[in-house]
């Protein structure tokens, strides 16, 4: 994980764009397919997180703690940002009193903590960050105490749970939080990612053409079955998991293979900020687009593209600002670097 994997980074960018198109989709069958890319992408991000948790016990447990702290700070920051954003929205829509009443209910916070339900303050994307924190806590103990066998026992249980619950939610339009939580939406894919990393030597022996064929066929299957239901049942979830796994393994074997490097760079540097910021930017971009009297019939096609562009540009600027701040802090407080050198 130390070297840049352009292949993984490229698909991280595609996944982040796909998530935007989950929340503001194109119309028709194209919209359904793009939404499928987004839900596939969430699993792909989780796979990479699980892959990054595999390693020598003591060293990796420290790295997991470091990631837990960093992502905890990011999550706390964006919860604050989303709360401020929600205050603005509810105040503008004259719903502030109802929102304040919701904040006084204990069940609101229980849903937020245990189910990842942040919709009471327009914070839907935050479920992923909280679920990832739970996974880091779990994996810290599993890795620190060399409980690898437990991971292999948990994997099939939670993989089946993910397939069953997600298929039910997508088939019968049930509450998406049943699948958008740590136990269903995050942990199964993190477990798969860890096992892929643990079995890296064996998996790298798979011929490249098999991995390519598997990626293509599983992608075609997930696109087909997300559009065509078997009875009323959406059976695309197993193929999403399979496709994400094939892409990860293919990237292990061919880290620089056939990618657009500028997009891969954006995937590595900005995909997290694209994910976290797009929901807020979507609101303001929608207001701007629909402020034009002639927005009308083509706005539903133009708006997703506009949100993608705004989100990517904003995330790039944000990353540059953060890099600048880190650079200035390093110049002002150089003691830590000096201590490490000695």
Foldseek 3Di string as FASTA:
>chain_A
DPDAQLLLLLLLLLLLLLLLLLVQNFDDLRSLLSVLSNLLNLLLVLLVLLLQQDDQQPVSLVVLVVVLVVLVVVLVVLVVVLQVLLCVVCVVVVNNVVLVVLVVDPVSVVCCQALVDPVSRLQNLSQSSNLSSVVSVVSSVCRNVVVLVVLVVVQVVLLVVQQVQVQVCLLPVPDCSSQSHNSRSRVNSSSVSNVCNVCLVVLLPPDLVVLVVQLVVLSVQLSVQSVPPPVSTRRNVVSSSSNSSSSVSSSSNVSPPDGDNVSSVLSVQQSVQLSSPLSSLLVVLVVVLVVDVPSPPCVSVVSSVVSSVVSSVVSVVVSVVVVVVVVVVCVVDVVVVVVVVD
